C-alpha atoms as a PDB file:
ATOM      1  CA  UNK A   1     152.371   3.672 120.697  1.00  0.00           C
ATOM      2  CA  UNK A   2     148.969   2.790 122.120  1.00  0.00           C
ATOM      3  CA  UNK A   3     146.614   3.788 119.305  1.00  0.00           C
ATOM      4  CA  UNK A   4     143.533   2.707 121.196  1.00  0.00           C
ATOM      5  CA  UNK A   5     144.497   5.011 124.071  1.00  0.00           C
ATOM      6  CA  UNK A   6     144.838   7.954 121.684  1.00  0.00           C
ATOM      7  CA  UNK A   7     141.504   7.187 120.089  1.00  0.00           C
ATOM      8  CA  UNK A   8     139.771   6.963 123.468  1.00  0.00           C
ATOM      9  CA  UNK A   9     141.341  10.279 124.478  1.00  0.00           C
ATOM     10  CA  UNK A  10     140.161  12.034 121.325  1.00  0.00           C
ATOM     11  CA  UNK A  11     136.725  10.452 121.673  1.00  0.00           C
ATOM     12  CA  UNK A  12     136.449  11.742 125.219  1.00  0.00           C
ATOM     13  CA  UNK A  13     137.009  15.296 123.958  1.00  0.00           C
ATOM     14  CA  UNK A  14     135.182  14.717 120.683  1.00  0.00           C
ATOM     15  CA  UNK A  15     133.272  18.034 120.857  1.00  0.00           C
ATOM     16  CA  UNK A  16     136.523  19.959 121.292  1.00  0.00           C
ATOM     17  CA  UNK A  17     138.175  17.923 118.522  1.00  0.00           C
ATOM     18  CA  UNK A  18     135.288  18.583 116.119  1.00  0.00           C
ATOM     19  CA  UNK A  19     135.317  22.315 116.836  1.00  0.00           C
ATOM     20  CA  UNK A  20     139.100  22.438 116.476  1.00  0.00           C
ATOM     21  CA  UNK A  21     138.982  20.603 113.142  1.00  0.00           C
ATOM     22  CA  UNK A  22     136.385  23.037 111.796  1.00  0.00           C
ATOM     23  CA  UNK A  23     138.521  25.945 113.049  1.00  0.00           C
ATOM     24  CA  UNK A  24     141.636  24.525 111.381  1.00  0.00           C
ATOM     25  CA  UNK A  25     139.773  24.075 108.119  1.00  0.00           C
ATOM     26  CA  UNK A  26     138.303  27.588 108.256  1.00  0.00           C
ATOM     27  CA  UNK A  27     141.669  29.226 109.004  1.00  0.00           C
ATOM     28  CA  UNK A  28     143.330  27.254 106.218  1.00  0.00           C
ATOM     29  CA  UNK A  29     140.707  28.425 103.718  1.00  0.00           C
ATOM     30  CA  UNK A  30     140.892  32.035 104.936  1.00  0.00           C
ATOM     31  CA  UNK A  31     144.662  32.025 104.506  1.00  0.00           C
ATOM     32  CA  UNK A  32     144.100  31.111 100.844  1.00  0.00           C
ATOM     33  CA  UNK A  33     141.118  33.336  99.979  1.00  0.00           C
ATOM     34  CA  UNK A  34     139.832  36.684 101.183  1.00  0.00           C
ATOM     35  CA  UNK A  35     136.133  37.160 101.881  1.00  0.00           C
ATOM     36  CA  UNK A  36     134.660  40.655 101.782  1.00  0.00           C
ATOM     37  CA  UNK A  37     131.064  41.030 102.938  1.00  0.00           C
ATOM     38  CA  UNK A  38     130.886  44.814 102.541  1.00  0.00           C
ATOM     39  CA  UNK A  39     128.371  45.539  99.800  1.00  0.00           C
ATOM     40  CA  UNK A  40     127.797  41.843  99.139  1.00  0.00           C
ATOM     41  CA  UNK A  41     129.759  38.616  99.312  1.00  0.00           C
ATOM     42  CA  UNK A  42     133.037  38.914  97.432  1.00  0.00           C
ATOM     43  CA  UNK A  43     135.607  36.118  97.431  1.00  0.00           C
ATOM     44  CA  UNK A  44     139.112  36.730  96.082  1.00  0.00           C
ATOM     45  CA  UNK A  45     142.439  34.924  96.277  1.00  0.00           C
ATOM     46  CA  UNK A  46     145.160  36.224  98.568  1.00  0.00           C
ATOM     47  CA  UNK A  47     148.005  34.950  96.422  1.00  0.00           C
ATOM     48  CA  UNK A  48     148.494  35.706  92.745  1.00  0.00           C
ATOM     49  CA  UNK A  49     149.253  33.662  89.665  1.00  0.00           C
ATOM     50  CA  UNK A  50     151.611  34.541  86.842  1.00  0.00           C
ATOM     51  CA  UNK A  51     150.553  34.062  83.240  1.00  0.00           C
ATOM     52  CA  UNK A  52     152.727  34.529  80.189  1.00  0.00           C
ATOM     53  CA  UNK A  53     151.931  35.402  76.578  1.00  0.00           C
ATOM     54  CA  UNK A  54     154.456  36.082  73.817  1.00  0.00           C
ATOM     55  CA  UNK A  55     154.598  37.489  70.299  1.00  0.00           C
ATOM     56  CA  UNK A  56     157.349  37.542  67.681  1.00  0.00           C
ATOM     57  CA  UNK A  57     158.411  40.355  65.364  1.00  0.00           C
ATOM     58  CA  UNK A  58     160.469  39.809  62.215  1.00  0.00           C
ATOM     59  CA  UNK A  59     163.244  42.343  61.519  1.00  0.00           C
ATOM     60  CA  UNK A  60     163.770  42.814  57.781  1.00  0.00           C
ATOM     61  CA  UNK A  61     163.721  45.424  55.025  1.00  0.00           C
ATOM     62  CA  UNK A  62     161.774  46.154  51.874  1.00  0.00           C
ATOM     63  CA  UNK A  63     162.200  43.512  49.166  1.00  0.00           C
ATOM     64  CA  UNK A  64     162.571  40.526  51.538  1.00  0.00           C
ATOM     65  CA  UNK A  65     166.351  40.139  51.264  1.00  0.00           C
ATOM     66  CA  UNK A  66     166.357  36.903  53.262  1.00  0.00           C
ATOM     67  CA  UNK A  67     164.528  35.294  50.366  1.00  0.00           C
ATOM     68  CA  UNK A  68     167.324  36.051  47.897  1.00  0.00           C
ATOM     69  CA  UNK A  69     170.265  33.792  47.166  1.00  0.00           C
ATOM     70  CA  UNK A  70     172.550  36.641  46.062  1.00  0.00           C
ATOM     71  CA  UNK A  71     172.587  40.389  46.644  1.00  0.00           C
ATOM     72  CA  UNK A  72     173.449  41.697  43.193  1.00  0.00           C
ATOM     73  CA  UNK A  73     171.462  44.945  43.285  1.00  0.00           C
ATOM     74  CA  UNK A  74     173.071  48.274  44.140  1.00  0.00           C
ATOM     75  CA  UNK A  75     171.825  51.825  44.683  1.00  0.00           C
ATOM     76  CA  UNK A  76     173.522  55.112  43.937  1.00  0.00           C
ATOM     77  CA  UNK A  77     174.427  57.195  46.988  1.00  0.00           C
ATOM     78  CA  UNK A  78     176.366  60.083  45.422  1.00  0.00           C
ATOM     79  CA  UNK A  79     179.889  61.012  44.362  1.00  0.00           C
ATOM     80  CA  UNK A  80     182.635  58.711  45.557  1.00  0.00           C
ATOM     81  CA  UNK A  81     185.490  59.822  47.779  1.00  0.00           C
ATOM     82  CA  UNK A  82     188.149  58.829  45.274  1.00  0.00           C
ATOM     83  CA  UNK A  83     186.303  60.286  42.300  1.00  0.00           C
ATOM     84  CA  UNK A  84     184.186  63.315  43.303  1.00  0.00           C
ATOM     85  CA  UNK A  85     182.875  63.643  39.786  1.00  0.00           C
ATOM     86  CA  UNK A  86     181.760  60.059  39.648  1.00  0.00           C
ATOM     87  CA  UNK A  87     179.020  58.134  41.425  1.00  0.00           C
ATOM     88  CA  UNK A  88     179.261  55.776  44.404  1.00  0.00           C
ATOM     89  CA  UNK A  89     177.148  52.673  44.758  1.00  0.00           C
ATOM     90  CA  UNK A  90     176.318  50.445  47.737  1.00  0.00           C
ATOM     91  CA  UNK A  91     174.467  47.125  47.936  1.00  0.00           C
ATOM     92  CA  UNK A  92     170.725  47.585  48.020  1.00  0.00           C
ATOM     93  CA  UNK A  93     170.213  44.917  50.658  1.00  0.00           C
ATOM     94  CA  UNK A  94     171.935  44.823  54.033  1.00  0.00           C
ATOM     95  CA  UNK A  95     174.000  41.947  55.311  1.00  0.00           C
ATOM     96  CA  UNK A  96     171.555  39.467  56.921  1.00  0.00           C
ATOM     97  CA  UNK A  97     173.654  39.385  60.099  1.00  0.00           C
ATOM     98  CA  UNK A  98     172.838  43.074  60.638  1.00  0.00           C
ATOM     99  CA  UNK A  99     169.167  42.222  61.099  1.00  0.00           C
ATOM    100  CA  UNK A 100     170.086  39.901  63.982  1.00  0.00           C
ATOM    101  CA  UNK A 101     172.014  42.780  65.565  1.00  0.00           C
ATOM    102  CA  UNK A 102     168.976  45.011  65.136  1.00  0.00           C
ATOM    103  CA  UNK A 103     166.861  42.325  66.836  1.00  0.00           C
ATOM    104  CA  UNK A 104     169.097  42.531  69.914  1.00  0.00           C
ATOM    105  CA  UNK A 105     168.800  46.308  69.909  1.00  0.00           C
ATOM    106  CA  UNK A 106     165.024  46.352  69.519  1.00  0.00           C
ATOM    107  CA  UNK A 107     164.642  43.728  72.255  1.00  0.00           C
ATOM    108  CA  UNK A 108     166.456  46.059  74.622  1.00  0.00           C
ATOM    109  CA  UNK A 109     164.249  48.898  73.462  1.00  0.00           C
ATOM    110  CA  UNK A 110     161.046  46.982  74.284  1.00  0.00           C
ATOM    111  CA  UNK A 111     161.904  46.720  77.987  1.00  0.00           C
ATOM    112  CA  UNK A 112     163.220  50.282  78.268  1.00  0.00           C
ATOM    113  CA  UNK A 113     161.654  53.111  80.264  1.00  0.00           C
ATOM    114  CA  UNK A 114     161.174  55.005  77.002  1.00  0.00           C
ATOM    115  CA  UNK A 115     158.655  52.532  75.596  1.00  0.00           C
ATOM    116  CA  UNK A 116     157.104  51.853  79.001  1.00  0.00           C
ATOM    117  CA  UNK A 117     156.244  55.534  79.364  1.00  0.00           C
ATOM    118  CA  UNK A 118     154.734  55.551  75.884  1.00  0.00           C
ATOM    119  CA  UNK A 119     152.601  52.515  76.694  1.00  0.00           C
ATOM    120  CA  UNK A 120     151.334  54.023  79.948  1.00  0.00           C
ATOM    121  CA  UNK A 121     150.223  57.334  78.481  1.00  0.00           C
ATOM    122  CA  UNK A 122     146.672  56.025  78.018  1.00  0.00           C
ATOM    123  CA  UNK A 123     146.395  53.668  81.004  1.00  0.00           C
ATOM    124  CA  UNK A 124     148.768  51.678  83.238  1.00  0.00           C
ATOM    125  CA  UNK A 125     150.335  48.561  81.817  1.00  0.00           C
ATOM    126  CA  UNK A 126     148.666  45.522  83.467  1.00  0.00           C
ATOM    127  CA  UNK A 127     151.855  43.449  83.585  1.00  0.00           C
ATOM    128  CA  UNK A 128     155.587  43.309  83.005  1.00  0.00           C
ATOM    129  CA  UNK A 129     157.311  43.221  79.626  1.00  0.00           C
ATOM    130  CA  UNK A 130     160.503  41.459  78.644  1.00  0.00           C
ATOM    131  CA  UNK A 131     162.046  40.790  75.251  1.00  0.00           C
ATOM    132  CA  UNK A 132     164.983  39.019  73.676  1.00  0.00           C
ATOM    133  CA  UNK A 133     166.354  38.265  70.248  1.00  0.00           C
ATOM    134  CA  UNK A 134     165.283  34.901  68.891  1.00  0.00           C
ATOM    135  CA  UNK A 135     167.824  32.105  68.692  1.00  0.00           C
ATOM    136  CA  UNK A 136     168.051  28.935  66.636  1.00  0.00           C
ATOM    137  CA  UNK A 137     166.608  26.157  68.862  1.00  0.00           C
ATOM    138  CA  UNK A 138     169.118  23.692  67.423  1.00  0.00           C
ATOM    139  CA  UNK A 139     172.043  26.067  67.878  1.00  0.00           C
ATOM    140  CA  UNK A 140     171.448  28.668  70.636  1.00  0.00           C
ATOM    141  CA  UNK A 141     174.594  30.498  69.603  1.00  0.00           C
ATOM    142  CA  UNK A 142     172.966  31.678  66.374  1.00  0.00           C
ATOM    143  CA  UNK A 143     170.863  34.829  66.814  1.00  0.00           C
ATOM    144  CA  UNK A 144     167.901  35.195  64.464  1.00  0.00           C
ATOM    145  CA  UNK A 145     166.457  38.468  63.108  1.00  0.00           C
ATOM    146  CA  UNK A 146     163.441  38.029  65.353  1.00  0.00           C
ATOM    147  CA  UNK A 147     162.343  39.881  68.489  1.00  0.00           C
ATOM    148  CA  UNK A 148     160.473  37.737  71.006  1.00  0.00           C
ATOM    149  CA  UNK A 149     158.245  39.863  73.250  1.00  0.00           C
ATOM    150  CA  UNK A 150     156.812  38.397  76.450  1.00  0.00           C
ATOM    151  CA  UNK A 151     154.085  39.793  78.671  1.00  0.00           C
ATOM    152  CA  UNK A 152     153.712  38.464  82.220  1.00  0.00           C
ATOM    153  CA  UNK A 153     150.724  39.380  84.397  1.00  0.00           C
ATOM    154  CA  UNK A 154     148.444  38.116  87.161  1.00  0.00           C
ATOM    155  CA  UNK A 155     145.747  36.900  84.752  1.00  0.00           C
ATOM    156  CA  UNK A 156     145.627  35.336  81.314  1.00  0.00           C
ATOM    157  CA  UNK A 157     143.878  38.306  79.723  1.00  0.00           C
ATOM    158  CA  UNK A 158     146.289  40.821  81.226  1.00  0.00           C
ATOM    159  CA  UNK A 159     149.313  38.832  80.012  1.00  0.00           C
ATOM    160  CA  UNK A 160     147.976  38.820  76.462  1.00  0.00           C
ATOM    161  CA  UNK A 161     147.129  42.520  76.621  1.00  0.00           C
ATOM    162  CA  UNK A 162     150.617  43.349  77.903  1.00  0.00           C
ATOM    163  CA  UNK A 163     152.316  41.461  75.059  1.00  0.00           C
ATOM    164  CA  UNK A 164     150.027  43.066  72.464  1.00  0.00           C
ATOM    165  CA  UNK A 165     150.597  46.602  73.746  1.00  0.00           C
ATOM    166  CA  UNK A 166     154.373  46.108  73.850  1.00  0.00           C
ATOM    167  CA  UNK A 167     154.372  44.811  70.272  1.00  0.00           C
ATOM    168  CA  UNK A 168     152.331  47.758  69.017  1.00  0.00           C
ATOM    169  CA  UNK A 169     154.482  50.212  70.964  1.00  0.00           C
ATOM    170  CA  UNK A 170     157.709  48.910  69.403  1.00  0.00           C
ATOM    171  CA  UNK A 171     156.475  48.964  65.808  1.00  0.00           C
ATOM    172  CA  UNK A 172     154.820  52.370  66.243  1.00  0.00           C
ATOM    173  CA  UNK A 173     157.928  53.914  67.806  1.00  0.00           C
ATOM    174  CA  UNK A 174     160.231  52.719  65.029  1.00  0.00           C
ATOM    175  CA  UNK A 175     157.853  53.958  62.305  1.00  0.00           C
ATOM    176  CA  UNK A 176     157.475  57.315  64.038  1.00  0.00           C
ATOM    177  CA  UNK A 177     161.227  57.802  64.336  1.00  0.00           C
ATOM    178  CA  UNK A 178     161.778  56.789  60.713  1.00  0.00           C
ATOM    179  CA  UNK A 179     159.197  59.320  59.535  1.00  0.00           C
ATOM    180  CA  UNK A 180     160.535  62.053  61.828  1.00  0.00           C
ATOM    181  CA  UNK A 181     164.045  61.576  60.437  1.00  0.00           C
ATOM    182  CA  UNK A 182     162.786  61.438  56.834  1.00  0.00           C
ATOM    183  CA  UNK A 183     164.212  58.012  56.082  1.00  0.00           C
ATOM    184  CA  UNK A 184     163.143  56.909  52.624  1.00  0.00           C
ATOM    185  CA  UNK A 185     160.786  53.894  52.642  1.00  0.00           C
ATOM    186  CA  UNK A 186     163.263  51.865  50.584  1.00  0.00           C
ATOM    187  CA  UNK A 187     165.924  52.390  53.271  1.00  0.00           C
ATOM    188  CA  UNK A 188     163.815  51.613  56.343  1.00  0.00           C
ATOM    189  CA  UNK A 189     163.984  48.645  58.660  1.00  0.00           C
ATOM    190  CA  UNK A 190     160.633  46.852  58.620  1.00  0.00           C
ATOM    191  CA  UNK A 191     159.198  45.258  61.743  1.00  0.00           C
ATOM    192  CA  UNK A 192     156.656  42.660  60.686  1.00  0.00           C
ATOM    193  CA  UNK A 193     154.595  40.846  63.318  1.00  0.00           C
ATOM    194  CA  UNK A 194     154.973  37.122  62.710  1.00  0.00           C
ATOM    195  CA  UNK A 195     152.947  35.842  65.651  1.00  0.00           C
ATOM    196  CA  UNK A 196     150.301  37.742  67.553  1.00  0.00           C
ATOM    197  CA  UNK A 197     150.266  37.209  71.337  1.00  0.00           C
ATOM    198  CA  UNK A 198     150.021  33.492  71.995  1.00  0.00           C
ATOM    199  CA  UNK A 199     147.382  31.848  74.208  1.00  0.00           C
ATOM    200  CA  UNK A 200     148.528  32.588  77.770  1.00  0.00           C
ATOM    201  CA  UNK A 201     150.126  29.813  79.802  1.00  0.00           C
ATOM    202  CA  UNK A 202     150.331  29.555  83.577  1.00  0.00           C
ATOM    203  CA  UNK A 203     153.959  29.867  84.694  1.00  0.00           C
ATOM    204  CA  UNK A 204     153.516  30.330  88.469  1.00  0.00           C
ATOM    205  CA  UNK A 205     150.495  28.881  90.287  1.00  0.00           C
ATOM    206  CA  UNK A 206     149.107  30.132  93.578  1.00  0.00           C
ATOM    207  CA  UNK A 207     151.070  28.693  96.474  1.00  0.00           C
ATOM    208  CA  UNK A 208     149.165  26.275  98.724  1.00  0.00           C
ATOM    209  CA  UNK A 209     151.968  26.046 101.265  1.00  0.00           C
ATOM    210  CA  UNK A 210     150.525  28.616 103.671  1.00  0.00           C
ATOM    211  CA  UNK A 211     146.993  27.141 103.955  1.00  0.00           C
ATOM    212  CA  UNK A 212     148.398  23.640 104.459  1.00  0.00           C
ATOM    213  CA  UNK A 213     150.797  24.933 107.124  1.00  0.00           C
ATOM    214  CA  UNK A 214     148.007  26.802 108.945  1.00  0.00           C
ATOM    215  CA  UNK A 215     145.719  23.737 108.849  1.00  0.00           C
ATOM    216  CA  UNK A 216     148.394  21.386 110.223  1.00  0.00           C
ATOM    217  CA  UNK A 217     149.563  23.888 112.848  1.00  0.00           C
ATOM    218  CA  UNK A 218     146.040  24.222 114.268  1.00  0.00           C
ATOM    219  CA  UNK A 219     145.588  20.428 114.318  1.00  0.00           C
ATOM    220  CA  UNK A 220     148.881  19.961 116.176  1.00  0.00           C
ATOM    221  CA  UNK A 221     147.902  22.623 118.703  1.00  0.00           C
ATOM    222  CA  UNK A 222     144.514  20.914 119.116  1.00  0.00           C
ATOM    223  CA  UNK A 223     146.136  17.533 119.767  1.00  0.00           C
ATOM    224  CA  UNK A 224     148.456  19.082 122.357  1.00  0.00           C
ATOM    225  CA  UNK A 225     145.489  20.726 124.102  1.00  0.00           C
ATOM    226  CA  UNK A 226     143.567  17.438 124.210  1.00  0.00           C
ATOM    227  CA  UNK A 227     146.453  15.573 125.888  1.00  0.00           C
ATOM    228  CA  UNK A 228     147.020  18.426 128.342  1.00  0.00           C
ATOM    229  CA  UNK A 229     143.363  18.255 129.380  1.00  0.00           C
ATOM    230  CA  UNK A 230     143.592  14.463 129.639  1.00  0.00           C
ATOM    231  CA  UNK A 231     146.549  14.726 132.015  1.00  0.00           C
ATOM    232  CA  UNK A 232     144.882  17.427 134.084  1.00  0.00           C
ATOM    233  CA  UNK A 233     141.614  15.490 134.343  1.00  0.00           C
ATOM    234  CA  UNK A 234     142.400  11.791 133.957  1.00  0.00           C
ATOM    235  CA  UNK A 235     139.374   9.573 133.590  1.00  0.00           C
ATOM    236  CA  UNK A 236     138.960   6.796 136.177  1.00  0.00           C
ATOM    237  CA  UNK A 237     138.346   3.413 134.637  1.00  0.00           C
ATOM    238  CA  UNK A 238     136.515   0.598 136.357  1.00  0.00           C
ATOM    239  CA  UNK A 239     138.652  -2.480 137.044  1.00  0.00           C
ATOM    240  CA  UNK A 240     137.010  -5.879 136.481  1.00  0.00           C
ATOM    241  CA  UNK A 241     137.501  -8.922 138.732  1.00  0.00           C
ATOM    242  CA  UNK A 242     139.428 -10.900 136.126  1.00  0.00           C
ATOM    243  CA  UNK A 243     141.894  -8.014 135.769  1.00  0.00           C
ATOM    244  CA  UNK A 244     142.410  -7.974 139.572  1.00  0.00           C
ATOM    245  CA  UNK A 245     143.043 -11.724 139.595  1.00  0.00           C
ATOM    246  CA  UNK A 246     145.537 -11.386 136.738  1.00  0.00           C
ATOM    247  CA  UNK A 247     147.464  -8.710 138.630  1.00  0.00           C
ATOM    248  CA  UNK A 248     147.475 -10.716 141.899  1.00  0.00           C
ATOM    249  CA  UNK A 249     148.641 -13.874 140.176  1.00  0.00           C
ATOM    250  CA  UNK A 250     151.411 -11.939 138.471  1.00  0.00           C
ATOM    251  CA  UNK A 251     152.552 -10.512 141.800  1.00  0.00           C
ATOM    252  CA  UNK A 252     152.492 -13.907 143.484  1.00  0.00           C
ATOM    253  CA  UNK A 253     154.632 -15.473 140.791  1.00  0.00           C
ATOM    254  CA  UNK A 254     157.098 -12.614 141.056  1.00  0.00           C
ATOM    255  CA  UNK A 255     157.475 -13.011 144.844  1.00  0.00           C
ATOM    256  CA  UNK A 256     157.623 -16.802 144.752  1.00  0.00           C
END
């Protein structure tokens, strides 16, 4: 590869090369941002980011049963089946494993159409909601009585707003249903917010593949155009006397 030849060729068409480079740079930038001059200069990105924010909700009941070593309290529920005249008793506190099952159920409820419609009654939800039951980080097979709610949106503020609205919608729905069905406060599941929506984190950045591809494609097309013009209009180069003598001597040695 004769680098000096390439450099001389590009230097010959230096005006075209400079204009082509500026064009490649401009097209690469315009493929990454959008410029709107109507009503003033407005620059916006063509691609979108994805931000995530999450909150956690603790599933428990009145009296904090998970803080007790034994469940020795009972409540009267009415006459027993075997002794209608007597009284039946049940444990006051539920089995802790039931709260983990409730966490799975409430996580499914968060991402349902039912709660989405409730959240969008006032204004559209700015992002997408997902939820899952919390698991022990040291043993993923153990489900915890915790609902992890995640909001994903195109901006940090929208992701946090989405997670906050989903958390409020879940707790409000459960309380409303408990009141509508006249469930006694002592018998209600309690959803307690452990962590408010966390500081948003960037999970998907804007792709720079397209602007880089556009920039390189224009440069390649420019280089091809320069060499086509060079072949169509080759530049004549003056030959010096010493070069002529070198060629003649080479020919004479070859024929000798």
